[in-house]
């Protein structure tokens, strides 16, 4: 689990506990859906201006580290 609360948060009061980008109501899954559909980070940020580029990059970096760590 990502523990840097400047990146994501989950609370029963916000989106029923769905992991969202901290300080927003934008689910992390939405970014993943955008990327899976071939959209760019810029496209995502244009659609969800409450999320910062720094949050997106930090999330992707942390996810990458954890995936590599699982197989290393």
N, C-alpha and C. Protein backbone atom coordinates (compact mmCIF):
# COMPACT_ATOMS: atom_id res chain seq x y z
N UNK A 1 0.84 -1.18 0.00
CA UNK A 1 0.00 0.00 0.00
C UNK A 1 0.88 1.24 0.00
N UNK A 2 0.49 2.23 -0.77
CA UNK A 2 1.23 3.49 -0.80
C UNK A 2 0.88 4.26 0.46
N UNK A 3 1.90 4.69 1.19
CA UNK A 3 1.65 5.34 2.47
C UNK A 3 1.88 6.84 2.43
N UNK A 4 2.31 7.39 1.29
CA UNK A 4 2.50 8.83 1.18
C UNK A 4 1.14 9.46 0.96
N UNK A 5 0.59 10.08 2.01
CA UNK A 5 -0.77 10.58 1.94
C UNK A 5 -0.90 11.83 1.08
N UNK A 6 0.20 12.35 0.55
CA UNK A 6 0.07 13.44 -0.41
C UNK A 6 -0.27 12.89 -1.79
N UNK A 7 -0.23 11.58 -1.94
CA UNK A 7 -0.52 10.95 -3.23
C UNK A 7 -1.95 10.44 -3.27
N UNK A 8 -2.30 9.52 -2.40
CA UNK A 8 -3.65 8.96 -2.40
C UNK A 8 -4.21 8.91 -0.98
N UNK A 9 -5.52 8.82 -0.92
CA UNK A 9 -6.17 8.63 0.36
C UNK A 9 -7.43 7.80 0.15
N UNK A 10 -7.91 7.24 1.22
CA UNK A 10 -9.16 6.47 1.18
C UNK A 10 -9.90 6.73 2.47
N UNK A 11 -11.14 7.12 2.35
CA UNK A 11 -11.96 7.41 3.51
C UNK A 11 -13.40 7.01 3.18
N UNK A 12 -14.09 6.41 4.14
CA UNK A 12 -15.48 6.03 3.89
C UNK A 12 -16.35 7.24 3.52
N UNK A 13 -15.95 8.43 3.94
CA UNK A 13 -16.72 9.64 3.67
C UNK A 13 -16.50 10.19 2.25
N UNK A 14 -15.45 9.73 1.57
CA UNK A 14 -15.13 10.23 0.23
C UNK A 14 -15.21 9.07 -0.75
N UNK A 15 -16.17 9.15 -1.64
CA UNK A 15 -16.35 8.13 -2.68
C UNK A 15 -16.47 6.73 -2.08
N UNK A 16 -17.06 6.62 -0.91
CA UNK A 16 -17.30 5.32 -0.28
C UNK A 16 -16.05 4.54 0.04
N UNK A 17 -14.92 5.23 0.22
CA UNK A 17 -13.67 4.55 0.56
C UNK A 17 -12.81 4.18 -0.63
N UNK A 18 -13.24 4.53 -1.83
CA UNK A 18 -12.45 4.28 -3.04
C UNK A 18 -11.15 5.07 -2.94
N UNK A 19 -10.01 4.47 -3.24
CA UNK A 19 -8.75 5.23 -3.23
C UNK A 19 -8.81 6.37 -4.26
N UNK A 20 -8.56 7.58 -3.76
CA UNK A 20 -8.58 8.77 -4.60
C UNK A 20 -7.27 9.52 -4.47
N UNK A 21 -7.00 10.39 -5.42
CA UNK A 21 -5.85 11.27 -5.27
C UNK A 21 -6.14 12.19 -4.09
N UNK A 22 -5.18 12.31 -3.18
CA UNK A 22 -5.36 13.08 -1.95
C UNK A 22 -5.84 14.49 -2.26
N UNK A 23 -6.82 14.94 -1.48
CA UNK A 23 -7.36 16.27 -1.63
C UNK A 23 -8.35 16.42 -2.77
N UNK A 24 -8.73 15.28 -3.40
CA UNK A 24 -9.67 15.32 -4.51
C UNK A 24 -10.71 14.23 -4.31
N UNK A 25 -11.62 14.15 -5.27
CA UNK A 25 -12.59 13.05 -5.32
C UNK A 25 -12.34 12.23 -6.58
N UNK A 26 -11.13 12.29 -7.11
CA UNK A 26 -10.79 11.61 -8.36
C UNK A 26 -10.18 10.25 -8.03
N UNK A 27 -10.87 9.17 -8.39
CA UNK A 27 -10.34 7.84 -8.12
C UNK A 27 -9.03 7.57 -8.86
N UNK A 28 -8.11 6.91 -8.20
CA UNK A 28 -6.85 6.51 -8.82
C UNK A 28 -7.13 5.62 -10.03
N UNK A 29 -8.16 4.80 -9.94
CA UNK A 29 -8.52 3.91 -11.04
C UNK A 29 -8.81 4.69 -12.32
N UNK A 30 -9.29 5.91 -12.18
CA UNK A 30 -9.58 6.73 -13.37
C UNK A 30 -8.30 6.99 -14.16
N UNK A 31 -7.20 7.29 -13.48
CA UNK A 31 -5.92 7.48 -14.17
C UNK A 31 -5.53 6.19 -14.89
N UNK A 32 -5.64 5.09 -14.21
CA UNK A 32 -5.27 3.81 -14.83
C UNK A 32 -6.14 3.52 -16.05
N UNK A 33 -7.42 3.84 -15.96
CA UNK A 33 -8.31 3.64 -17.11
C UNK A 33 -7.89 4.53 -18.28
N UNK A 34 -7.54 5.77 -18.01
CA UNK A 34 -7.07 6.67 -19.05
C UNK A 34 -5.83 6.10 -19.73
N UNK A 35 -4.87 5.69 -18.94
CA UNK A 35 -3.61 5.18 -19.50
C UNK A 35 -3.85 3.90 -20.29
N UNK A 36 -4.70 3.03 -19.79
CA UNK A 36 -5.01 1.78 -20.47
C UNK A 36 -5.68 2.05 -21.82
N UNK A 37 -6.45 3.12 -21.90
CA UNK A 37 -7.14 3.48 -23.14
C UNK A 37 -6.23 4.22 -24.12
N UNK A 38 -4.97 4.42 -23.73
CA UNK A 38 -4.03 5.09 -24.63
C UNK A 38 -4.00 6.59 -24.49
N UNK A 39 -4.69 7.12 -23.49
CA UNK A 39 -4.68 8.56 -23.26
C UNK A 39 -3.38 8.95 -22.55
N UNK A 40 -3.03 10.21 -22.64
CA UNK A 40 -1.80 10.69 -22.02
C UNK A 40 -2.08 11.23 -20.61
N UNK A 41 -1.02 11.43 -19.87
CA UNK A 41 -1.14 12.06 -18.56
C UNK A 41 -1.73 13.46 -18.72
N UNK A 42 -1.31 14.18 -19.75
CA UNK A 42 -1.85 15.52 -19.99
C UNK A 42 -3.36 15.48 -20.23
N UNK A 43 -3.83 14.47 -20.98
CA UNK A 43 -5.27 14.32 -21.19
C UNK A 43 -5.99 14.13 -19.86
N UNK A 44 -5.43 13.28 -19.02
CA UNK A 44 -6.01 13.04 -17.70
C UNK A 44 -6.04 14.32 -16.88
N UNK A 45 -4.93 15.03 -16.85
CA UNK A 45 -4.85 16.26 -16.06
C UNK A 45 -5.80 17.33 -16.58
N UNK A 46 -5.99 17.38 -17.89
CA UNK A 46 -6.95 18.33 -18.47
C UNK A 46 -8.36 18.01 -17.99
N UNK A 47 -8.68 16.74 -17.89
CA UNK A 47 -10.01 16.32 -17.46
C UNK A 47 -10.23 16.41 -15.96
N UNK A 48 -9.14 16.37 -15.20
CA UNK A 48 -9.23 16.36 -13.73
C UNK A 48 -8.22 17.36 -13.15
N UNK A 49 -8.50 18.65 -13.28
CA UNK A 49 -7.54 19.67 -12.87
C UNK A 49 -7.25 19.73 -11.37
N UNK A 50 -8.04 19.02 -10.55
CA UNK A 50 -7.74 19.02 -9.12
C UNK A 50 -6.57 18.10 -8.78
N UNK A 51 -6.20 17.23 -9.70
CA UNK A 51 -5.06 16.34 -9.51
C UNK A 51 -3.82 17.04 -10.09
N UNK A 52 -2.71 16.97 -9.37
CA UNK A 52 -1.48 17.61 -9.85
C UNK A 52 -0.62 16.61 -10.61
N UNK A 53 0.19 17.15 -11.49
CA UNK A 53 1.15 16.32 -12.21
C UNK A 53 2.07 15.60 -11.22
N UNK A 54 2.46 16.29 -10.16
CA UNK A 54 3.34 15.69 -9.16
C UNK A 54 2.70 14.47 -8.52
N UNK A 55 1.38 14.54 -8.25
CA UNK A 55 0.70 13.38 -7.67
C UNK A 55 0.71 12.20 -8.64
N UNK A 56 0.45 12.47 -9.92
CA UNK A 56 0.42 11.40 -10.92
C UNK A 56 1.80 10.76 -11.04
N UNK A 57 2.83 11.58 -11.17
CA UNK A 57 4.19 11.05 -11.32
C UNK A 57 4.61 10.27 -10.08
N UNK A 58 4.30 10.81 -8.90
CA UNK A 58 4.66 10.11 -7.66
C UNK A 58 3.94 8.77 -7.56
N UNK A 59 2.67 8.72 -7.95
CA UNK A 59 1.93 7.46 -7.93
C UNK A 59 2.56 6.44 -8.87
N UNK A 60 2.86 6.86 -10.10
CA UNK A 60 3.44 5.94 -11.07
C UNK A 60 4.84 5.48 -10.64
N UNK A 61 5.63 6.38 -10.09
CA UNK A 61 6.96 5.99 -9.62
C UNK A 61 6.87 4.97 -8.49
N UNK A 62 5.98 5.23 -7.54
CA UNK A 62 5.82 4.31 -6.40
C UNK A 62 5.30 2.96 -6.87
N UNK A 63 4.33 2.96 -7.77
CA UNK A 63 3.79 1.70 -8.29
C UNK A 63 4.88 0.93 -9.03
N UNK A 64 5.69 1.63 -9.81
CA UNK A 64 6.78 0.98 -10.53
C UNK A 64 7.79 0.34 -9.59
N UNK A 65 8.16 1.07 -8.55
CA UNK A 65 9.11 0.53 -7.55
C UNK A 65 8.56 -0.74 -6.91
N UNK A 66 7.29 -0.71 -6.56
CA UNK A 66 6.70 -1.87 -5.90
C UNK A 66 6.59 -3.07 -6.83
N UNK A 67 6.26 -2.82 -8.09
CA UNK A 67 6.19 -3.93 -9.05
C UNK A 67 7.56 -4.55 -9.28
N UNK A 68 8.57 -3.72 -9.44
CA UNK A 68 9.92 -4.23 -9.64
C UNK A 68 10.37 -4.97 -8.38
N UNK A 69 10.05 -4.43 -7.22
CA UNK A 69 10.43 -5.07 -5.96
C UNK A 69 9.79 -6.43 -5.77
N UNK A 70 8.63 -6.63 -6.35
CA UNK A 70 7.95 -7.92 -6.21
C UNK A 70 8.66 -9.02 -6.99
N UNK A 71 9.36 -8.69 -8.04
CA UNK A 71 9.99 -9.71 -8.87
C UNK A 71 11.51 -9.74 -8.71
N UNK A 72 12.02 -8.76 -7.97
CA UNK A 72 13.48 -8.72 -7.79
C UNK A 72 13.92 -9.59 -6.63
